[in-house]
């Protein structure tokens, strides 16, 4: 029987084939939702959908776009913010 903590659907079931030709179920945490823009709530491009522990292992340049407000604002909101800042 599965251990009680793995019975909930918070874990996804991954069927893994072992070298002895048997198939077992591995329980893995689900991926989090996409990172969203702080201004318009649109999904951010270039930001991986990973759990914090796995995201910390990715190189910093791969975690978010290398531009002003990268990983916080989407490209269109960033463009508008920079335009407004330059006008004042």
C-alpha atoms as a PDB file:
ATOM      1  CA  UNK A   1       0.000   0.000   0.000  1.00  0.00           C
ATOM      2  CA  UNK A   2       1.087   3.532  -0.701  1.00  0.00           C
ATOM      3  CA  UNK A   3       2.232   5.576   2.269  1.00  0.00           C
ATOM      4  CA  UNK A   4      -0.542   7.956   3.402  1.00  0.00           C
ATOM      5  CA  UNK A   5       1.349  11.108   2.439  1.00  0.00           C
ATOM      6  CA  UNK A   6       1.551   9.958  -1.198  1.00  0.00           C
ATOM      7  CA  UNK A   7      -2.158   9.186  -1.576  1.00  0.00           C
ATOM      8  CA  UNK A   8      -3.125  12.813  -2.127  1.00  0.00           C
ATOM      9  CA  UNK A   9      -3.079  14.253  -5.626  1.00  0.00           C
ATOM     10  CA  UNK A  10      -0.629  16.965  -4.598  1.00  0.00           C
ATOM     11  CA  UNK A  11       1.973  14.499  -5.875  1.00  0.00           C
ATOM     12  CA  UNK A  12       2.034  13.471  -9.514  1.00  0.00           C
ATOM     13  CA  UNK A  13       2.569   9.814 -10.315  1.00  0.00           C
ATOM     14  CA  UNK A  14       5.526   9.057 -12.583  1.00  0.00           C
ATOM     15  CA  UNK A  15       5.754   5.513 -13.895  1.00  0.00           C
ATOM     16  CA  UNK A  16       9.427   4.507 -14.010  1.00  0.00           C
ATOM     17  CA  UNK A  17      10.803   1.350 -15.601  1.00  0.00           C
ATOM     18  CA  UNK A  18      13.611  -0.231 -13.584  1.00  0.00           C
ATOM     19  CA  UNK A  19      16.521  -2.281 -14.970  1.00  0.00           C
ATOM     20  CA  UNK A  20      14.872  -5.521 -13.752  1.00  0.00           C
ATOM     21  CA  UNK A  21      12.015  -4.793 -16.201  1.00  0.00           C
ATOM     22  CA  UNK A  22       9.542  -3.902 -13.470  1.00  0.00           C
ATOM     23  CA  UNK A  23       7.552  -0.683 -13.429  1.00  0.00           C
ATOM     24  CA  UNK A  24       7.239   1.302 -10.192  1.00  0.00           C
ATOM     25  CA  UNK A  25       5.516   4.550  -9.342  1.00  0.00           C
ATOM     26  CA  UNK A  26       7.623   7.510  -8.222  1.00  0.00           C
ATOM     27  CA  UNK A  27       5.793  10.365  -6.517  1.00  0.00           C
ATOM     28  CA  UNK A  28       7.001  13.819  -7.505  1.00  0.00           C
ATOM     29  CA  UNK A  29       5.835  17.296  -6.554  1.00  0.00           C
ATOM     30  CA  UNK A  30       3.856  19.115  -9.228  1.00  0.00           C
ATOM     31  CA  UNK A  31       5.326  22.087 -11.067  1.00  0.00           C
ATOM     32  CA  UNK A  32       4.254  25.528  -9.838  1.00  0.00           C
ATOM     33  CA  UNK A  33       2.218  27.936 -11.979  1.00  0.00           C
ATOM     34  CA  UNK A  34       3.914  30.276 -14.442  1.00  0.00           C
ATOM     35  CA  UNK A  35       5.558  33.478 -13.170  1.00  0.00           C
ATOM     36  CA  UNK A  36       3.288  36.451 -13.864  1.00  0.00           C
ATOM     37  CA  UNK A  37       3.919  40.113 -14.686  1.00  0.00           C
ATOM     38  CA  UNK A  38       3.582  42.364 -11.648  1.00  0.00           C
ATOM     39  CA  UNK A  39       1.654  44.930 -13.676  1.00  0.00           C
ATOM     40  CA  UNK A  40      -0.693  43.135 -16.101  1.00  0.00           C
ATOM     41  CA  UNK A  41      -0.591  39.509 -14.766  1.00  0.00           C
ATOM     42  CA  UNK A  42       0.512  38.124 -18.143  1.00  0.00           C
ATOM     43  CA  UNK A  43       2.730  34.995 -18.028  1.00  0.00           C
ATOM     44  CA  UNK A  44       6.421  35.936 -18.155  1.00  0.00           C
ATOM     45  CA  UNK A  45       8.538  34.620 -21.015  1.00  0.00           C
ATOM     46  CA  UNK A  46      12.008  33.285 -20.214  1.00  0.00           C
ATOM     47  CA  UNK A  47      11.245  32.350 -16.594  1.00  0.00           C
ATOM     48  CA  UNK A  48      11.337  28.567 -16.007  1.00  0.00           C
ATOM     49  CA  UNK A  49       8.475  26.772 -14.251  1.00  0.00           C
ATOM     50  CA  UNK A  50      10.448  25.075 -11.484  1.00  0.00           C
ATOM     51  CA  UNK A  51      10.217  24.550  -7.758  1.00  0.00           C
ATOM     52  CA  UNK A  52      12.447  26.887  -5.711  1.00  0.00           C
ATOM     53  CA  UNK A  53      14.980  24.161  -4.833  1.00  0.00           C
ATOM     54  CA  UNK A  54      15.479  23.240  -8.504  1.00  0.00           C
ATOM     55  CA  UNK A  55      15.415  26.882  -9.632  1.00  0.00           C
ATOM     56  CA  UNK A  56      18.311  27.667  -7.275  1.00  0.00           C
ATOM     57  CA  UNK A  57      20.474  25.114  -9.126  1.00  0.00           C
ATOM     58  CA  UNK A  58      19.893  26.768 -12.527  1.00  0.00           C
ATOM     59  CA  UNK A  59      22.437  29.437 -13.557  1.00  0.00           C
ATOM     60  CA  UNK A  60      21.288  32.937 -12.633  1.00  0.00           C
ATOM     61  CA  UNK A  61      21.269  34.060 -16.282  1.00  0.00           C
ATOM     62  CA  UNK A  62      18.769  31.263 -17.076  1.00  0.00           C
ATOM     63  CA  UNK A  63      16.399  32.100 -14.215  1.00  0.00           C
ATOM     64  CA  UNK A  64      15.102  35.340 -15.729  1.00  0.00           C
ATOM     65  CA  UNK A  65      15.703  37.573 -18.773  1.00  0.00           C
ATOM     66  CA  UNK A  66      18.806  39.783 -18.697  1.00  0.00           C
ATOM     67  CA  UNK A  67      17.061  43.151 -19.034  1.00  0.00           C
ATOM     68  CA  UNK A  68      15.711  45.862 -16.723  1.00  0.00           C
ATOM     69  CA  UNK A  69      12.821  44.457 -14.631  1.00  0.00           C
ATOM     70  CA  UNK A  70      13.588  40.963 -16.019  1.00  0.00           C
ATOM     71  CA  UNK A  71      11.515  38.348 -14.199  1.00  0.00           C
ATOM     72  CA  UNK A  72       9.228  41.043 -12.724  1.00  0.00           C
ATOM     73  CA  UNK A  73       7.559  42.796 -15.680  1.00  0.00           C
ATOM     74  CA  UNK A  74       6.657  41.510 -19.131  1.00  0.00           C
ATOM     75  CA  UNK A  75       8.414  43.087 -22.127  1.00  0.00           C
ATOM     76  CA  UNK A  76       5.524  45.401 -23.046  1.00  0.00           C
ATOM     77  CA  UNK A  77       5.035  46.722 -19.478  1.00  0.00           C
ATOM     78  CA  UNK A  78       8.800  47.231 -19.132  1.00  0.00           C
ATOM     79  CA  UNK A  79       8.844  49.212 -22.375  1.00  0.00           C
ATOM     80  CA  UNK A  80       5.999  51.446 -21.154  1.00  0.00           C
ATOM     81  CA  UNK A  81       7.697  51.999 -17.783  1.00  0.00           C
ATOM     82  CA  UNK A  82      10.977  53.029 -19.421  1.00  0.00           C
ATOM     83  CA  UNK A  83       9.111  55.373 -21.825  1.00  0.00           C
ATOM     84  CA  UNK A  84       7.296  57.060 -18.927  1.00  0.00           C
ATOM     85  CA  UNK A  85      10.538  57.411 -16.956  1.00  0.00           C
ATOM     86  CA  UNK A  86      12.352  59.033 -19.899  1.00  0.00           C
ATOM     87  CA  UNK A  87       9.531  61.576 -20.441  1.00  0.00           C
ATOM     88  CA  UNK A  88       9.744  62.938 -16.893  1.00  0.00           C
END
